[in-house]
Amino acid sequence: MSGATPGAVAALQPASAAPALFTIPADVAPSDLPDHYLGQEELRGIDKQMEKLFKCEKLDEEEVRSLCAVLKDILVQEANVQPVRTPVTVVGDIHGQFHDLLEIFKCAGTCPSVNFLFLGDYVDRGLNSVESVSLVFLLKVRYRHRVTLIRGNHESRQITQVYGFYDECLRKYGNANVWNYFTDVFDYLPLSALIEDQIFCPHAGLSPTIETLDHVRLLERFQEVPHEGPMCDLLWSDPEEQMPGWGMSPRGAGYTFGQDISEKFNHVNGLKLIARAHQLIMEGFQWSQANNVVTIFSAPNYCYRCGNQAAIMKIDEHMNYTFIQFNPSLLQASGADMQKRIPDYFL
C-alpha cells in the first residue's frame, strides 16, 4: 500500500544464528560503495572496529575519540532537515539494546544493500548503549550516504547522566572521556529528516512555534538540547488522540498535539505523513491521527521487561510502506540485571 495508508506487516522471529553483517554483495556497483574520501587503511580500520563490536568488545577510548572527530566533520555538513531518498528502512528507538539492534539488520538487511534512517534514542536504559551508539556511528562514517542519523531526546548530556549512558561509560572506561566524545557528537546530529519531500521524520513531534519546514531549517542545532522552545519540542512532543490543539506534555518537556495540528502541518508543507519514534508501542508501530502520524518503536521487550514487540518501517522507491515486526534477540540481557537500573517513569 502507498501514501498515508497503513502498509503491509511482516512478523519475524529472532534468528538462532547471526548472518554475516555488512558484507558487500556482488551486485553492488563500485559507485554505491562506501565513501571514497576514506582511504583503504581507514576503511579497514572501521571494518575491524565493527568486527570488535559484533564480538561484544567495546572500542578503545582512542578509537572512540577518532570516530567522533570524523563523524562531526560529516554531520556539520548536514541540514537540520536532512533529505533522504528511497528505498529506506526507518528505525525507531534503540536505547542501548545492542543485540536487538543486530536483530534489526537480520530482519531488514545490511549496508550497503539497504539504506537506513535512525530516528534517535540510541542510548540509555539498555545495558549496551556504548556498543549501540558506536555501531550506528561507525555505519554513518562507513556509509555516509546510505545511513542517516537524527537526534533523539536522549542524545543529551543532562538526560544521559540520569538514565544510564553516563554511568555505563564510567563503568566500561573508568572515566568520562568517552561520554564527552559521544555527547559532543550529539550536538551535531540533524533534528529531523525528510523522505522524498513527502514524509517528515522528527524524533518526537511538532512545535507550536514551527509552522513550516523552513522554520526547522533555520534553528541553531549545535548545542545541548534546550529545556524549552522549538528544538526541544521536536525531540519531546507527542501526538494526542483525544484532544485537539496543543496541550501540556506529561513528560515535562514538549507538548501534545492533536489531529488538527498534524493535518494542518502536513497540508501547509505538502507532506503525506509524519513518521516519528519516542513512544513505547506494544506492537512496534502505530498509526494515529487519521493516518497523518505513524510511530515506530524498535526496542523489543523494552528495558528487558515491557514485553512489547518492535518494528521497523521499510519504504520502497514507490513510497509503499511495509512494517516488519520482530521479537527480542535470544541474546537479550536478562530483565533482572537491568530492572535495578531503570527508573519507574519512562521518558
Protein backbone atom coordinates (compact mmCIF):
# COMPACT_ATOMS: atom_id res chain seq x y z
CA MET A 1 0.00 0.00 0.00
CA SER A 2 1.20 3.52 -0.62
CA GLY A 3 0.66 7.04 0.58
CA ALA A 4 -0.61 7.72 4.09
CA THR A 5 -2.40 4.40 4.44
CA PRO A 6 -1.25 1.56 6.66
CA GLY A 7 1.18 -0.74 4.89
CA ALA A 8 1.75 -4.47 4.95
CA VAL A 9 3.04 -6.14 8.09
CA ALA A 10 5.58 -8.94 8.25
CA ALA A 11 6.38 -10.55 11.60
CA LEU A 12 9.76 -12.21 12.03
CA GLN A 13 11.10 -14.26 14.93
CA PRO A 14 14.69 -13.96 16.15
CA ALA A 15 17.20 -15.97 14.16
CA SER A 16 19.21 -18.53 16.07
CA ALA A 17 22.45 -17.59 14.34
CA ALA A 18 23.69 -14.18 13.25
CA PRO A 19 24.30 -13.75 9.50
CA ALA A 20 27.41 -12.11 8.15
CA LEU A 21 26.78 -8.40 8.61
CA PHE A 22 27.72 -5.54 6.30
CA THR A 23 29.37 -7.59 3.58
CA ILE A 24 29.40 -6.13 0.08
CA PRO A 25 27.25 -8.22 -2.30
CA ALA A 26 28.40 -8.94 -5.83
CA ASP A 27 25.62 -6.90 -7.44
CA VAL A 28 26.59 -3.62 -5.74
CA ALA A 29 28.29 -1.27 -8.18
CA PRO A 30 31.54 0.45 -7.19
CA SER A 31 29.76 3.81 -7.25
CA ASP A 32 27.46 2.50 -4.49
CA LEU A 33 30.28 1.53 -2.18
CA PRO A 34 31.18 3.49 0.96
CA ASP A 35 32.51 6.98 0.61
CA HIS A 36 35.79 7.12 -1.22
CA TYR A 37 37.10 10.09 0.73
CA LEU A 38 38.14 7.41 3.21
CA GLY A 39 41.38 5.67 2.34
CA GLN A 40 41.72 1.92 2.30
CA GLU A 41 43.52 1.97 5.63
CA GLU A 42 40.69 3.94 7.24
CA LEU A 43 38.10 1.59 5.75
CA ARG A 44 39.94 -1.45 7.06
CA GLY A 45 40.14 0.20 10.47
CA ILE A 46 36.39 0.82 10.55
CA ASP A 47 35.70 -2.76 9.48
CA LYS A 48 37.92 -4.09 12.26
CA GLN A 49 36.14 -1.91 14.78
CA MET A 50 32.76 -3.24 13.64
CA GLU A 51 34.09 -6.78 13.98
CA LYS A 52 35.04 -5.97 17.58
CA LEU A 53 31.52 -4.81 18.30
CA PHE A 54 29.97 -7.92 16.76
CA LYS A 55 32.05 -9.91 19.25
CA CYS A 56 30.66 -7.69 22.03
CA GLU A 57 34.01 -5.99 22.56
CA LYS A 58 33.88 -2.24 23.11
CA LEU A 59 36.05 0.16 21.11
CA ASP A 60 39.20 1.55 22.69
CA GLU A 61 39.00 5.09 24.04
CA GLU A 62 41.27 6.39 21.27
CA GLU A 63 39.12 4.64 18.65
CA VAL A 64 36.05 6.39 20.03
CA ARG A 65 37.81 9.76 20.04
CA SER A 66 38.89 9.35 16.40
CA LEU A 67 35.48 8.06 15.30
CA CYS A 68 33.68 11.00 16.88
CA ALA A 69 36.07 13.53 15.34
CA VAL A 70 35.48 12.13 11.84
CA LEU A 71 31.73 11.94 12.36
CA LYS A 72 31.49 15.56 13.46
CA ASP A 73 33.14 16.58 10.19
CA ILE A 74 30.45 14.66 8.32
CA LEU A 75 27.46 15.83 10.36
CA VAL A 76 28.38 19.51 10.28
CA GLN A 77 27.67 19.40 6.54
CA GLU A 78 24.16 18.03 7.01
CA ALA A 79 20.96 20.03 7.35
CA ASN A 80 18.52 20.39 10.23
CA VAL A 81 16.02 18.72 7.91
CA GLN A 82 18.24 16.14 6.21
CA PRO A 83 16.93 14.90 2.82
CA VAL A 84 16.57 11.13 2.48
CA ARG A 85 15.87 9.15 -0.68
CA THR A 86 14.02 5.87 -1.06
CA PRO A 87 14.25 2.97 -0.68
CA VAL A 88 14.98 3.35 3.02
CA THR A 89 14.37 1.46 6.26
CA VAL A 90 13.27 3.63 9.19
CA VAL A 91 14.34 2.59 12.70
CA GLY A 92 12.88 3.94 15.93
CA ASP A 93 14.27 3.96 19.47
CA ILE A 94 17.13 1.53 20.20
CA HIS A 95 18.01 2.51 23.79
CA GLY A 96 21.21 0.57 24.20
CA GLN A 97 19.69 -2.84 23.34
CA PHE A 98 22.65 -3.87 21.21
CA HIS A 99 21.64 -7.47 20.48
CA ASP A 100 18.24 -6.22 19.34
CA LEU A 101 19.97 -3.69 17.09
CA LEU A 102 21.74 -6.61 15.43
CA GLU A 103 18.35 -8.31 15.12
CA ILE A 104 17.18 -5.32 13.06
CA PHE A 105 19.90 -5.99 10.50
CA LYS A 106 18.91 -9.65 10.33
CA CYS A 107 15.32 -8.59 9.61
CA ALA A 108 15.97 -5.67 7.26
CA GLY A 109 19.26 -6.48 5.57
CA THR A 110 22.51 -4.62 5.90
CA CYS A 111 24.53 -1.80 4.41
CA PRO A 112 25.39 -1.14 1.65
CA SER A 113 22.42 -3.09 0.20
CA VAL A 114 19.93 -1.31 2.49
CA ASN A 115 19.67 2.38 3.36
CA PHE A 116 18.79 3.28 6.94
CA LEU A 117 17.23 6.24 8.73
CA PHE A 118 17.63 6.08 12.52
CA LEU A 119 15.24 8.30 14.47
CA GLY A 120 17.38 8.77 17.58
CA ASP A 121 17.46 7.50 21.17
CA TYR A 122 20.46 5.27 20.62
CA VAL A 123 21.47 5.30 24.28
CA ASP A 124 20.16 4.99 27.86
CA ARG A 125 18.14 2.31 29.64
CA GLY A 126 19.74 -0.69 27.90
CA LEU A 127 22.92 -2.38 29.08
CA ASN A 128 24.89 -1.74 25.89
CA SER A 129 24.49 1.91 24.95
CA VAL A 130 28.23 2.22 24.30
CA GLU A 131 28.21 -0.59 21.77
CA SER A 132 24.93 0.54 20.19
CA VAL A 133 25.94 4.13 19.58
CA SER A 134 29.42 3.03 18.49
CA LEU A 135 27.92 0.80 15.81
CA VAL A 136 25.49 3.34 14.37
CA PHE A 137 28.27 5.96 14.37
CA LEU A 138 30.62 3.56 12.54
CA LEU A 139 27.91 2.81 9.99
CA LYS A 140 27.40 6.51 9.37
CA VAL A 141 31.11 7.07 8.78
CA ARG A 142 31.42 3.94 6.61
CA TYR A 143 28.26 4.56 4.56
CA ARG A 144 27.58 8.26 4.97
CA HIS A 145 25.14 8.49 2.02
CA ARG A 146 23.28 5.32 2.98
CA VAL A 147 22.83 5.94 6.70
CA THR A 148 21.05 8.95 8.21
CA LEU A 149 21.13 9.64 11.94
CA ILE A 150 18.95 12.22 13.68
CA ARG A 151 18.85 13.32 17.30
CA GLY A 152 16.53 11.98 19.96
CA ASN A 153 15.75 13.46 23.36
CA HIS A 154 18.21 11.02 24.96
CA GLU A 155 21.08 12.38 22.86
CA SER A 156 21.58 14.92 25.62
CA ARG A 157 24.15 15.44 28.36
CA GLN A 158 21.55 16.04 31.02
CA ILE A 159 19.36 13.05 30.17
CA THR A 160 22.24 10.59 29.79
CA GLN A 161 23.52 11.49 33.25
CA VAL A 162 20.21 10.28 34.69
CA TYR A 163 19.19 7.32 32.52
CA GLY A 164 22.30 5.22 32.26
CA PHE A 165 24.68 6.16 29.46
CA TYR A 166 26.99 8.29 31.59
CA ASP A 167 27.26 5.60 34.25
CA GLU A 168 27.87 2.94 31.60
CA CYS A 169 30.74 4.95 30.13
CA LEU A 170 32.31 5.31 33.57
CA ARG A 171 31.87 1.62 34.28
CA LYS A 172 33.33 0.45 30.97
CA TYR A 173 36.13 3.01 30.52
CA GLY A 174 36.92 4.20 34.02
CA ASN A 175 36.46 7.88 33.15
CA ALA A 176 34.07 10.27 31.41
CA ASN A 177 36.20 10.93 28.32
CA VAL A 178 34.22 8.63 26.02
CA TRP A 179 30.93 10.10 27.28
CA ASN A 180 32.26 13.56 26.41
CA TYR A 181 33.27 12.43 22.91
CA PHE A 182 29.86 10.91 22.20
CA THR A 183 27.81 13.75 23.67
CA ASP A 184 29.82 16.31 21.69
CA VAL A 185 28.71 14.47 18.54
CA PHE A 186 25.10 14.55 19.71
CA ASP A 187 25.15 18.34 19.29
CA TYR A 188 25.87 17.85 15.57
CA LEU A 189 23.07 15.41 14.75
CA PRO A 190 20.31 16.70 12.45
CA LEU A 191 16.99 17.48 14.11
CA SER A 192 14.88 15.67 11.52
CA ALA A 193 14.83 14.02 8.12
CA LEU A 194 12.60 14.43 5.07
CA ILE A 195 11.95 11.37 2.91
CA GLU A 196 11.38 12.26 -0.75
CA ASP A 197 9.86 15.62 0.28
CA GLN A 198 6.80 13.69 1.50
CA ILE A 199 7.47 12.19 4.94
CA PHE A 200 8.71 14.40 7.78
CA CYS A 201 10.71 12.48 10.38
CA PRO A 202 11.46 14.15 13.72
CA HIS A 203 12.33 12.03 16.72
CA ALA A 204 9.18 13.03 18.59
CA GLY A 205 6.79 15.60 17.17
CA LEU A 206 5.79 19.14 16.35
CA SER A 207 6.09 22.54 17.99
CA PRO A 208 3.64 25.44 18.33
CA THR A 209 6.42 27.76 17.15
CA ILE A 210 7.13 25.77 13.97
CA GLU A 211 4.71 26.15 11.07
CA THR A 212 6.94 25.18 8.16
CA LEU A 213 9.96 23.02 7.44
CA ASP A 214 11.87 26.20 6.69
CA HIS A 215 11.43 27.17 10.34
CA VAL A 216 13.19 23.93 11.32
CA ARG A 217 15.95 24.60 8.82
CA LEU A 218 16.70 27.95 10.49
CA LEU A 219 17.14 26.59 14.03
CA GLU A 220 20.55 26.67 15.72
CA ARG A 221 21.05 22.99 16.48
CA PHE A 222 24.71 22.85 17.55
CA GLN A 223 24.01 22.93 21.27
CA GLU A 224 22.75 20.88 24.20
CA VAL A 225 19.02 20.24 23.93
CA PRO A 226 17.26 23.27 25.48
CA HIS A 227 14.64 22.84 28.20
CA GLU A 228 12.02 24.54 26.03
CA GLY A 229 11.49 26.00 22.59
CA PRO A 230 11.19 24.55 19.09
CA MET A 231 14.31 22.37 19.19
CA CYS A 232 13.16 20.84 22.47
CA ASP A 233 9.66 20.27 21.09
CA LEU A 234 10.88 18.33 18.04
CA LEU A 235 12.62 15.91 20.42
CA TRP A 236 9.92 15.66 23.11
CA SER A 237 6.36 16.22 21.81
CA ASP A 238 3.70 13.51 21.35
CA PRO A 239 0.52 13.13 19.28
CA GLU A 240 -2.72 13.21 21.27
CA GLU A 241 -5.76 11.28 20.02
CA GLN A 242 -8.44 12.65 22.36
CA MET A 243 -7.90 16.41 22.44
CA PRO A 244 -7.36 18.87 19.57
CA GLY A 245 -4.83 21.66 19.57
CA TRP A 246 -1.80 21.97 21.80
CA GLY A 247 -1.58 20.63 25.33
CA MET A 248 0.93 20.43 28.14
CA SER A 249 3.02 17.29 27.95
CA PRO A 250 3.05 14.96 30.98
CA ARG A 251 6.74 14.43 30.24
CA GLY A 252 7.57 17.91 31.48
CA ALA A 253 9.03 18.95 28.12
CA GLY A 254 7.48 19.48 24.71
CA TYR A 255 3.74 19.45 24.01
CA THR A 256 0.93 17.17 22.98
CA PHE A 257 -0.62 17.96 19.61
CA GLY A 258 -4.00 16.96 18.21
CA GLN A 259 -5.04 15.66 14.82
CA ASP A 260 -5.92 19.17 13.70
CA ILE A 261 -2.30 20.20 14.26
CA SER A 262 -0.74 17.34 12.30
CA GLU A 263 -3.26 17.71 9.47
CA LYS A 264 -2.50 21.41 9.14
CA PHE A 265 1.27 20.88 9.31
CA ASN A 266 1.15 18.21 6.62
CA HIS A 267 -1.08 20.34 4.40
CA VAL A 268 0.98 23.52 4.74
CA ASN A 269 4.21 21.67 4.00
CA GLY A 270 2.93 19.40 1.23
CA LEU A 271 3.53 16.27 3.30
CA LYS A 272 1.80 12.91 3.29
CA LEU A 273 2.94 11.73 6.69
CA ILE A 274 4.84 12.40 9.91
CA ALA A 275 6.92 9.35 10.88
CA ARG A 276 8.32 9.53 14.41
CA ALA A 277 9.54 7.39 17.31
CA HIS A 278 9.79 8.37 21.01
CA GLN A 279 6.91 6.31 22.46
CA LEU A 280 6.69 2.70 23.57
CA ILE A 281 4.25 0.91 21.24
CA MET A 282 3.34 -2.64 22.23
CA GLU A 283 3.01 -3.81 18.61
CA GLY A 284 6.13 -1.89 17.50
CA PHE A 285 4.27 0.60 15.30
CA GLN A 286 1.02 2.53 15.43
CA TRP A 287 -0.92 4.76 13.06
CA SER A 288 -2.69 7.73 14.63
CA GLN A 289 -4.49 10.96 13.85
CA ALA A 290 -6.29 9.63 10.75
CA ASN A 291 -3.01 8.26 9.37
CA ASN A 292 -1.31 11.65 9.49
CA VAL A 293 1.19 10.23 12.01
CA VAL A 294 2.90 6.88 12.45
CA THR A 295 5.02 5.94 15.47
CA ILE A 296 7.84 3.39 15.15
CA PHE A 297 9.47 1.78 18.19
CA SER A 298 12.41 -0.55 17.59
CA ALA A 299 13.42 -1.77 21.07
CA PRO A 300 11.64 -5.11 21.74
CA ASN A 301 10.88 -6.08 25.33
CA TYR A 302 11.85 -2.52 26.22
CA CYS A 303 14.02 -2.29 29.31
CA TYR A 304 14.04 -6.11 29.30
CA ARG A 305 10.64 -6.18 30.98
CA CYS A 306 7.89 -4.47 28.93
CA GLY A 307 7.02 -7.46 26.73
CA ASN A 308 6.46 -5.40 23.59
CA GLN A 309 7.22 -6.28 20.01
CA ALA A 310 9.38 -3.89 18.00
CA ALA A 311 9.09 -2.76 14.39
CA ILE A 312 10.89 -1.06 11.56
CA MET A 313 9.33 0.66 8.55
CA LYS A 314 10.54 -0.16 5.05
CA ILE A 315 9.70 2.36 2.33
CA ASP A 316 10.32 1.35 -1.27
CA GLU A 317 11.07 3.56 -4.26
CA HIS A 318 7.31 3.87 -4.97
CA MET A 319 6.62 5.09 -1.41
CA ASN A 320 4.96 1.84 -0.39
CA TYR A 321 5.23 1.12 3.34
CA THR A 322 5.93 -2.27 4.91
CA PHE A 323 6.30 -2.78 8.65
CA ILE A 324 8.47 -5.61 9.91
CA GLN A 325 7.73 -6.63 13.48
CA PHE A 326 10.30 -8.56 15.48
CA ASN A 327 10.82 -10.02 18.93
CA PRO A 328 13.82 -9.73 21.24
CA SER A 329 17.12 -11.29 20.33
CA LEU A 330 17.78 -14.60 22.01
CA LEU A 331 20.88 -12.91 23.43
CA GLN A 332 19.00 -10.03 25.05
CA ALA A 333 20.20 -9.33 28.59
CA SER A 334 18.12 -10.61 31.46
CA GLY A 335 15.50 -8.29 32.89
CA ALA A 336 16.67 -8.98 36.43
CA ASP A 337 20.03 -7.35 35.78
CA MET A 338 18.51 -4.32 34.11
CA GLN A 339 15.49 -3.70 36.28
CA LYS A 340 17.57 -2.37 39.14
CA ARG A 341 18.87 0.44 36.94
CA ILE A 342 15.62 1.65 35.34
CA PRO A 343 13.65 4.50 36.89
CA ASP A 344 9.92 3.79 37.02
CA TYR A 345 8.97 6.81 34.95
CA PHE A 346 9.69 6.17 31.28
CA LEU A 347 10.90 9.21 29.38
